Amino acid sequence: MNSNEKLNVRLIASGKDWIESAAVDQLKRTAELPGMRLAVGFPDLHPGKGHPVGAAFLTNGMIYPYLIGNDIGCGMGLWRTDLLRRKVKLDRWAGRLSDLENSWDGDTRGWLTQAGLRETPYDASLGTIGGGNHFAELQAVEKVEDTAEFEKLNLSKESLLLLIHSGSRGLGESILRAYVDQHKAEGVAADSTEAMKYLEQHDKALLWAKANRALIAHRFAAALGSPANKVLDGSHNSITRHELADETVWIHRKGASPADAGPMVIPGSRGTLSYLVLPQGDLPAAAWSLAHGAGRKWTRSESKSRIRDRYHPDDLAQTELGSRVICEDRDLLYEEAPEAYKKIEVVVQTLLDAGLIKVIASLRPLITYKTRHIRR
């Protein structure tokens, strides 16, 4: 763990991690904002729009909505299914999966009510994955590393799992846009009327995003004839209040998973394993947060230019692990290719070496769903 106490910056990384200097520069600049107590970069750190992704920030007396971006509540959820590994039919199941980018034809109002929410103008997107790096993935347990923790989650080696990565869709974007129209990229006092107004909307977006992931899991599992039972769910784009002995701090997570809410999944790319882990160790030094994935190695435009001439789209429809990839948007297929991401094994090992996690199990992708929709 490297640190710069003068700037209250910590970078949790090793010599094997792919960390761009531009991302570190953004981390340091963000640490200089008024009220900033600590800025922590994780092994998946990469440059963002003015502020880095793969980082967590502690502030006192100020909040910075622009830091966490427009996809408020974006996160990862894991669900258990009744599907059995010994009965996997990849091609048949992949053929059944469709329409997850289109509006759900079920009782949206009832789903929201169950989640403690009222209707919003963006509910046509409820139960849809969205673009970019969002996905829904059917997974098998590859290896159990900690049997006791694995069994605490009521998991079985034979049952297949669903990992869902999505957020608050247009709702979160509208909340940030309204804030930026008034305050641009500036922060506001945490006890101000402006902050309370934003945080009220922010908290609704967190709940909406969780309801969205749950509905995606339900739709995916139902297409394969199974229920979906939640194992865990956490947001990696959020602002949360945290009480210390002598002060109140605000944890800003931008592409960082909460480490104070129990087990979590750190996913790789669609062509690698993901890891179910339990946070531990000196979590306050890591702003009660951890890496949220492998992290991008190349930008989207770089990914397309590097990969387009090397692979035909059909080559990317099946990974080296034998898993199927459902993505009929050719640009997105290239942008999200496994090579565009850092090595998840290195990210996980860095966190292990820092004493911040223990691995409960590794998970193997079987079917990764991105979209049946072709970008126009």
Protein backbone atom coordinates (compact mmCIF):
# COMPACT_ATOMS: atom_id res chain seq x y z
CA MET A 1 0.00 0.00 0.00
CA ASN A 2 1.60 3.25 -1.14
CA SER A 3 0.61 6.54 0.51
CA ASN A 4 1.15 10.27 0.28
CA GLU A 5 0.10 11.60 3.69
CA LYS A 6 0.48 15.24 2.66
CA LEU A 7 -2.25 14.86 0.08
CA ASN A 8 -4.13 12.18 2.07
CA VAL A 9 -3.77 9.84 -0.89
CA ARG A 10 -3.43 6.07 -0.77
CA LEU A 11 -2.92 3.82 -3.78
CA ILE A 12 -3.48 0.13 -3.11
CA ALA A 13 -1.45 -1.40 -5.90
CA SER A 14 1.60 -3.53 -6.64
CA GLY A 15 4.22 -3.43 -9.34
CA LYS A 16 2.14 -5.91 -11.33
CA ASP A 17 -0.97 -3.71 -11.48
CA TRP A 18 -1.64 -1.71 -14.64
CA ILE A 19 -2.11 1.81 -13.27
CA GLU A 20 -1.97 4.78 -15.66
CA SER A 21 -0.25 7.93 -14.45
CA ALA A 22 -3.27 9.95 -15.63
CA ALA A 23 -5.45 8.07 -13.16
CA VAL A 24 -3.02 8.71 -10.30
CA ASP A 25 -2.89 12.40 -11.24
CA GLN A 26 -6.69 12.56 -11.10
CA LEU A 27 -6.64 10.85 -7.70
CA LYS A 28 -4.20 13.42 -6.33
CA ARG A 29 -6.11 16.39 -7.76
CA THR A 30 -9.35 15.11 -6.28
CA ALA A 31 -7.64 14.79 -2.88
CA GLU A 32 -7.11 18.56 -2.91
CA LEU A 33 -10.82 19.41 -2.97
CA PRO A 34 -12.16 21.32 0.07
CA GLY A 35 -13.22 19.02 2.90
CA MET A 36 -11.35 16.01 1.51
CA ARG A 37 -10.00 13.71 4.24
CA LEU A 38 -8.77 10.76 2.21
CA ALA A 39 -8.55 9.58 -1.40
CA VAL A 40 -7.96 5.87 -2.03
CA GLY A 41 -7.21 4.28 -5.39
CA PHE A 42 -7.62 0.54 -5.88
CA PRO A 43 -5.89 -1.89 -8.28
CA ASP A 44 -8.66 -1.32 -10.86
CA LEU A 45 -8.01 2.45 -10.91
CA HIS A 46 -8.30 4.08 -14.33
CA PRO A 47 -8.95 7.60 -15.68
CA GLY A 48 -12.49 8.97 -15.69
CA LYS A 49 -14.17 12.22 -16.68
CA GLY A 50 -12.16 14.56 -14.49
CA HIS A 51 -12.02 12.11 -11.58
CA PRO A 52 -10.77 8.51 -11.52
CA VAL A 53 -12.80 5.32 -11.56
CA GLY A 54 -11.86 2.63 -9.07
CA ALA A 55 -11.55 4.99 -6.13
CA ALA A 56 -13.19 6.04 -2.86
CA PHE A 57 -13.07 9.43 -1.15
CA LEU A 58 -13.80 10.52 2.41
CA THR A 59 -14.99 14.06 3.00
CA ASN A 60 -16.03 16.05 6.04
CA GLY A 61 -18.55 18.87 5.76
CA MET A 62 -18.86 18.63 1.96
CA ILE A 63 -20.39 16.29 -0.59
CA TYR A 64 -19.45 16.07 -4.28
CA PRO A 65 -22.21 14.49 -6.41
CA TYR A 66 -20.15 14.92 -9.56
CA LEU A 67 -17.53 12.53 -8.12
CA ILE A 68 -19.83 9.52 -8.28
CA GLY A 69 -21.26 10.39 -11.68
CA ASN A 70 -24.59 9.87 -13.35
CA ASP A 71 -25.18 6.15 -12.79
CA ILE A 72 -26.09 6.52 -9.13
CA GLY A 73 -26.49 3.15 -7.47
CA CYS A 74 -24.72 1.18 -10.18
CA GLY A 75 -23.49 -2.01 -8.59
CA MET A 76 -23.30 -5.79 -8.49
CA GLY A 77 -25.82 -8.31 -7.25
CA LEU A 78 -25.54 -12.09 -6.94
CA TRP A 79 -28.53 -14.45 -7.12
CA ARG A 80 -28.84 -18.19 -6.60
CA THR A 81 -30.86 -20.23 -9.10
CA ASP A 82 -32.30 -23.77 -9.11
CA LEU A 83 -30.34 -24.57 -12.27
CA LEU A 84 -27.79 -27.34 -11.83
CA ARG A 85 -24.29 -27.42 -13.27
CA ARG A 86 -24.59 -31.04 -14.38
CA LYS A 87 -27.62 -30.12 -16.53
CA VAL A 88 -26.13 -27.11 -18.33
CA LYS A 89 -27.25 -26.66 -21.94
CA LEU A 90 -25.36 -23.55 -23.01
CA ASP A 91 -26.51 -23.17 -26.61
CA ARG A 92 -30.14 -24.00 -25.82
CA TRP A 93 -30.20 -21.62 -22.85
CA ALA A 94 -28.48 -18.85 -24.79
CA GLY A 95 -31.18 -19.16 -27.42
CA ARG A 96 -33.89 -18.61 -24.80
CA LEU A 97 -32.38 -15.37 -23.57
CA SER A 98 -33.58 -12.25 -25.32
CA ASP A 99 -35.38 -8.97 -24.83
CA LEU A 100 -33.51 -7.94 -21.66
CA GLU A 101 -32.89 -4.53 -23.23
CA ASN A 102 -36.60 -3.92 -23.76
CA SER A 103 -39.27 -2.91 -21.25
CA TRP A 104 -40.66 -5.57 -18.96
CA ASP A 105 -44.30 -6.45 -19.61
CA GLY A 106 -45.01 -7.28 -15.98
CA ASP A 107 -46.35 -5.26 -13.04
CA THR A 108 -43.75 -2.49 -12.81
CA ARG A 109 -45.75 -0.53 -10.23
CA GLY A 110 -46.02 -3.59 -8.01
CA TRP A 111 -42.30 -4.28 -8.30
CA LEU A 112 -41.46 -0.71 -7.29
CA THR A 113 -43.96 -0.74 -4.43
CA GLN A 114 -42.37 -3.91 -3.10
CA ALA A 115 -39.03 -2.06 -3.14
CA GLY A 116 -40.50 0.89 -1.23
CA LEU A 117 -40.58 3.18 -4.27
CA ARG A 118 -43.10 5.23 -6.21
CA GLU A 119 -43.30 5.40 -9.97
CA THR A 120 -40.83 7.60 -11.87
CA PRO A 121 -40.67 8.83 -15.48
CA TYR A 122 -37.88 6.30 -16.10
CA ASP A 123 -39.63 3.08 -15.16
CA ALA A 124 -39.78 1.78 -18.74
CA SER A 125 -36.11 0.96 -18.17
CA LEU A 126 -36.74 -1.04 -15.00
CA GLY A 127 -35.44 -4.57 -15.49
CA THR A 128 -33.10 -3.64 -18.35
CA ILE A 129 -29.31 -3.96 -18.30
CA GLY A 130 -28.21 -0.85 -20.17
CA GLY A 131 -25.04 -0.41 -22.21
CA GLY A 132 -21.35 0.02 -21.54
CA ASN A 133 -19.85 -2.51 -19.15
CA HIS A 134 -23.20 -3.63 -17.72
CA PHE A 135 -24.09 -7.30 -18.02
CA ALA A 136 -26.05 -10.25 -16.71
CA GLU A 137 -24.00 -13.41 -16.36
CA LEU A 138 -24.83 -17.02 -15.57
CA GLN A 139 -22.00 -18.50 -13.51
CA ALA A 140 -20.85 -21.79 -12.07
CA VAL A 141 -18.84 -22.23 -8.89
CA GLU A 142 -15.29 -22.95 -10.03
CA LYS A 143 -13.59 -23.54 -6.67
CA VAL A 144 -14.55 -23.05 -3.03
CA GLU A 145 -11.70 -21.58 -1.00
CA ASP A 146 -13.51 -21.05 2.32
CA THR A 147 -16.19 -23.67 2.95
CA ALA A 148 -17.51 -22.10 6.15
CA GLU A 149 -18.12 -18.67 4.59
CA PHE A 150 -19.49 -20.30 1.43
CA GLU A 151 -22.06 -22.27 3.41
CA LYS A 152 -23.05 -19.19 5.43
CA LEU A 153 -24.37 -17.77 2.16
CA ASN A 154 -26.48 -20.91 1.61
CA LEU A 155 -24.64 -21.68 -1.60
CA SER A 156 -24.07 -25.02 -3.29
CA LYS A 157 -21.28 -26.09 -5.64
CA GLU A 158 -23.89 -27.60 -7.94
CA SER A 159 -26.30 -24.65 -8.20
CA LEU A 160 -25.69 -21.98 -10.82
CA LEU A 161 -25.54 -18.30 -9.96
CA LEU A 162 -26.49 -15.04 -11.64
CA LEU A 163 -24.25 -11.97 -11.39
CA ILE A 164 -25.97 -8.73 -12.42
CA HIS A 165 -24.17 -5.45 -13.09
CA SER A 166 -26.47 -2.50 -13.76
CA GLY A 167 -27.61 0.76 -12.22
CA SER A 168 -30.30 3.41 -12.09
CA ARG A 169 -30.43 4.00 -15.86
CA GLY A 170 -32.02 7.35 -16.82
CA LEU A 171 -33.14 8.11 -13.27
CA GLY A 172 -29.62 8.61 -11.92
CA GLU A 173 -28.62 10.61 -14.97
CA SER A 174 -31.54 12.99 -14.47
CA ILE A 175 -30.61 13.53 -10.80
CA LEU A 176 -27.00 14.41 -11.61
CA ARG A 177 -28.06 16.64 -14.52
CA ALA A 178 -30.36 18.64 -12.25
CA TYR A 179 -27.55 19.06 -9.73
CA VAL A 180 -24.94 20.04 -12.34
CA ASP A 181 -27.30 22.59 -13.90
CA GLN A 182 -27.15 24.47 -10.59
CA HIS A 183 -23.72 23.66 -9.19
CA LYS A 184 -21.65 22.37 -12.13
CA ALA A 185 -18.87 20.10 -10.79
CA GLU A 186 -18.65 21.93 -7.46
CA GLY A 187 -19.47 20.40 -4.10
CA VAL A 188 -21.96 21.71 -1.54
CA ALA A 189 -21.97 21.82 2.25
CA ALA A 190 -23.20 18.51 3.64
CA ASP A 191 -25.71 20.23 5.93
CA SER A 192 -27.10 22.51 3.23
CA THR A 193 -30.56 22.40 1.71
CA GLU A 194 -28.96 21.62 -1.65
CA ALA A 195 -27.17 18.59 -0.21
CA MET A 196 -30.28 17.27 1.51
CA LYS A 197 -32.28 17.64 -1.71
CA TYR A 198 -29.66 15.77 -3.71
CA LEU A 199 -29.20 13.02 -1.12
CA GLU A 200 -32.93 12.38 -0.94
CA GLN A 201 -33.02 11.79 -4.70
CA HIS A 202 -29.73 9.87 -4.55
CA ASP A 203 -31.13 7.43 -1.98
CA LYS A 204 -34.18 6.79 -4.15
CA ALA A 205 -31.87 6.05 -7.09
CA LEU A 206 -29.95 3.54 -4.95
CA LEU A 207 -33.19 1.68 -4.21
CA TRP A 208 -34.29 1.90 -7.84
CA ALA A 209 -30.97 0.43 -8.99
CA LYS A 210 -31.30 -2.48 -6.56
CA ALA A 211 -34.86 -3.10 -7.76
CA ASN A 212 -33.58 -2.97 -11.32
CA ARG A 213 -30.90 -5.61 -10.71
CA ALA A 214 -33.39 -7.83 -8.92
CA LEU A 215 -35.80 -7.62 -11.85
CA ILE A 216 -33.04 -8.37 -14.38
CA ALA A 217 -32.16 -11.47 -12.34
CA HIS A 218 -35.83 -12.47 -12.24
CA ARG A 219 -36.25 -12.05 -16.00
CA PHE A 220 -33.02 -13.92 -16.81
CA ALA A 221 -33.75 -16.84 -14.48
CA ALA A 222 -37.40 -17.06 -15.53
CA ALA A 223 -36.36 -17.43 -19.17
CA LEU A 224 -34.47 -20.55 -18.10
CA GLY A 225 -37.28 -21.85 -15.91
CA SER A 226 -35.87 -20.98 -12.50
CA PRO A 227 -36.52 -18.57 -9.62
CA ALA A 228 -33.75 -16.19 -8.54
CA ASN A 229 -32.93 -15.84 -4.83
CA LYS A 230 -30.75 -12.91 -3.77
CA VAL A 231 -27.43 -13.71 -2.12
CA LEU A 232 -25.98 -10.19 -1.95
CA ASP A 233 -26.20 -6.79 -3.60
CA GLY A 234 -24.07 -3.65 -3.32
CA SER A 235 -23.68 -0.29 -5.04
CA HIS A 236 -20.30 0.97 -6.23
CA ASN A 237 -21.39 4.49 -7.27
CA SER A 238 -22.76 6.19 -4.16
CA ILE A 239 -22.39 8.71 -1.34
CA THR A 240 -22.98 7.31 2.14
CA ARG A 241 -22.78 8.84 5.61
CA HIS A 242 -20.34 7.26 8.06
CA GLU A 243 -20.08 8.15 11.73
CA LEU A 244 -16.66 8.19 13.37
CA ALA A 245 -15.95 8.78 17.05
CA ASP A 246 -15.25 12.48 16.58
CA GLU A 247 -16.73 13.43 13.21
CA THR A 248 -19.13 12.55 10.42
CA VAL A 249 -17.58 11.65 7.09
CA TRP A 250 -19.09 10.99 3.70
CA ILE A 251 -17.84 8.05 1.63
CA HIS A 252 -17.89 8.81 -2.09
CA ARG A 253 -17.47 5.63 -4.11
CA LYS A 254 -16.80 5.85 -7.85
CA GLY A 255 -16.32 2.32 -9.11
CA ALA A 256 -15.57 1.04 -5.61
CA SER A 257 -17.49 -1.64 -3.74
CA PRO A 258 -18.61 -1.20 -0.13
CA ALA A 259 -16.40 -3.23 2.19
CA ASP A 260 -18.58 -2.66 5.26
CA ALA A 261 -21.58 -4.72 4.14
CA GLY A 262 -20.31 -8.30 4.12
CA PRO A 263 -19.30 -10.54 1.19
CA MET A 264 -19.07 -9.14 -2.33
CA VAL A 265 -18.16 -10.22 -5.85
CA ILE A 266 -15.21 -8.75 -7.74
CA PRO A 267 -15.85 -9.63 -11.40
CA GLY A 268 -13.28 -10.05 -14.10
CA SER A 269 -14.03 -9.62 -17.79
CA ARG A 270 -16.51 -11.86 -19.60
CA GLY A 271 -13.59 -14.19 -20.43
CA THR A 272 -12.19 -14.67 -16.92
CA LEU A 273 -13.19 -15.88 -13.50
CA SER A 274 -14.90 -13.66 -10.93
CA TYR A 275 -14.23 -13.83 -7.20
CA LEU A 276 -16.59 -14.00 -4.25
CA VAL A 277 -14.68 -12.40 -1.37
CA LEU A 278 -15.05 -11.34 2.25
CA PRO A 279 -13.61 -7.92 3.20
CA GLN A 280 -11.28 -7.88 6.21
CA GLY A 281 -8.25 -6.11 7.65
CA ASP A 282 -7.68 -2.35 7.96
CA LEU A 283 -10.80 -1.26 6.10
CA PRO A 284 -10.80 2.34 7.46
CA ALA A 285 -7.46 2.85 5.67
CA ALA A 286 -9.23 1.79 2.47
CA ALA A 287 -12.21 4.11 3.07
CA TRP A 288 -14.34 1.04 3.86
CA SER A 289 -14.18 0.17 0.16
CA LEU A 290 -12.58 -2.26 -2.30
CA ALA A 291 -12.00 -2.70 -6.03
CA HIS A 292 -15.22 -3.25 -7.97
CA GLY A 293 -13.73 -5.30 -10.81
CA ALA A 294 -10.74 -5.75 -13.07
CA GLY A 295 -10.84 -2.16 -14.35
CA ARG A 296 -10.31 -0.99 -17.90
CA LYS A 297 -6.88 -1.22 -19.48
CA TRP A 298 -7.89 0.42 -22.76
CA THR A 299 -10.47 3.08 -23.55
CA ARG A 300 -13.44 2.06 -25.68
CA SER A 301 -12.01 3.63 -28.82
CA GLU A 302 -8.64 1.98 -28.21
CA SER A 303 -10.34 -1.37 -27.71
CA LYS A 304 -12.13 -1.15 -31.04
CA SER A 305 -9.02 -0.09 -32.96
CA ARG A 306 -6.83 -2.76 -31.35
CA ILE A 307 -9.27 -5.67 -31.57
CA ARG A 308 -11.32 -5.08 -34.74
CA ASP A 309 -8.56 -6.27 -37.08
CA ARG A 310 -7.68 -9.25 -34.91
CA TYR A 311 -11.10 -10.81 -34.40
CA HIS A 312 -14.28 -11.39 -36.36
CA PRO A 313 -17.39 -10.80 -34.22
CA ASP A 314 -18.13 -14.52 -34.30
CA ASP A 315 -14.75 -15.16 -32.67
CA LEU A 316 -15.84 -13.12 -29.66
CA ALA A 317 -19.18 -14.91 -29.20
CA GLN A 318 -17.39 -17.65 -27.26
CA THR A 319 -14.60 -17.10 -24.76
CA GLU A 320 -11.46 -19.11 -24.09
CA LEU A 321 -13.29 -20.55 -21.08
CA GLY A 322 -16.00 -21.91 -23.39
CA SER A 323 -18.67 -19.48 -22.19
CA ARG A 324 -21.18 -17.89 -24.55
CA VAL A 325 -21.44 -14.13 -25.11
CA ILE A 326 -24.73 -12.62 -26.25
CA CYS A 327 -23.93 -9.22 -27.76
CA GLU A 328 -25.30 -8.29 -31.17
CA ASP A 329 -23.92 -4.76 -30.99
CA ARG A 330 -20.61 -5.11 -32.84
CA ASP A 331 -19.03 -1.96 -31.41
CA LEU A 332 -19.93 -2.99 -27.87
CA LEU A 333 -18.57 -6.48 -28.51
CA TYR A 334 -15.16 -4.99 -29.31
CA GLU A 335 -15.29 -2.30 -26.61
CA GLU A 336 -15.93 -4.90 -23.92
CA ALA A 337 -13.55 -7.60 -25.15
CA PRO A 338 -11.61 -9.38 -22.36
CA GLU A 339 -8.33 -7.88 -23.59
CA ALA A 340 -9.65 -4.38 -22.83
CA TYR A 341 -9.53 -5.16 -19.10
CA LYS A 342 -6.77 -5.63 -16.56
CA LYS A 343 -5.99 -9.07 -15.20
CA ILE A 344 -8.47 -9.85 -12.45
CA GLU A 345 -6.06 -12.34 -10.86
CA VAL A 346 -3.55 -9.53 -10.29
CA VAL A 347 -6.22 -7.24 -8.82
CA VAL A 348 -7.40 -9.93 -6.40
CA GLN A 349 -3.86 -10.89 -5.42
CA THR A 350 -3.03 -7.26 -4.65
CA LEU A 351 -6.02 -7.06 -2.30
CA LEU A 352 -5.00 -10.37 -0.71
CA ASP A 353 -1.44 -9.14 -0.18
CA ALA A 354 -2.81 -5.95 1.39
CA GLY A 355 -4.77 -8.09 3.86
CA LEU A 356 -8.08 -6.58 2.75
CA ILE A 357 -9.92 -9.70 1.58
CA LYS A 358 -10.11 -13.43 1.77
CA VAL A 359 -11.45 -15.38 -1.18
CA ILE A 360 -14.57 -17.44 -0.53
CA ALA A 361 -14.92 -18.91 -4.02
CA SER A 362 -14.09 -18.34 -7.66
CA LEU A 363 -16.90 -18.25 -10.25
CA ARG A 364 -16.75 -19.29 -13.92
CA PRO A 365 -18.84 -17.52 -16.59
CA LEU A 366 -21.21 -19.68 -18.63
CA ILE A 367 -23.39 -17.14 -20.47
CA THR A 368 -22.79 -13.39 -20.53
CA TYR A 369 -25.73 -11.32 -21.76
CA LYS A 370 -25.05 -7.81 -23.07
CA THR A 371 -27.71 -7.03 -25.68
CA ARG A 372 -29.69 -8.44 -28.58
CA HIS A 373 -30.08 -4.86 -29.80
CA ILE A 374 -27.84 -3.53 -32.58
CA ARG A 375 -26.66 0.03 -31.96
CA ARG A 376 -27.84 2.46 -34.65
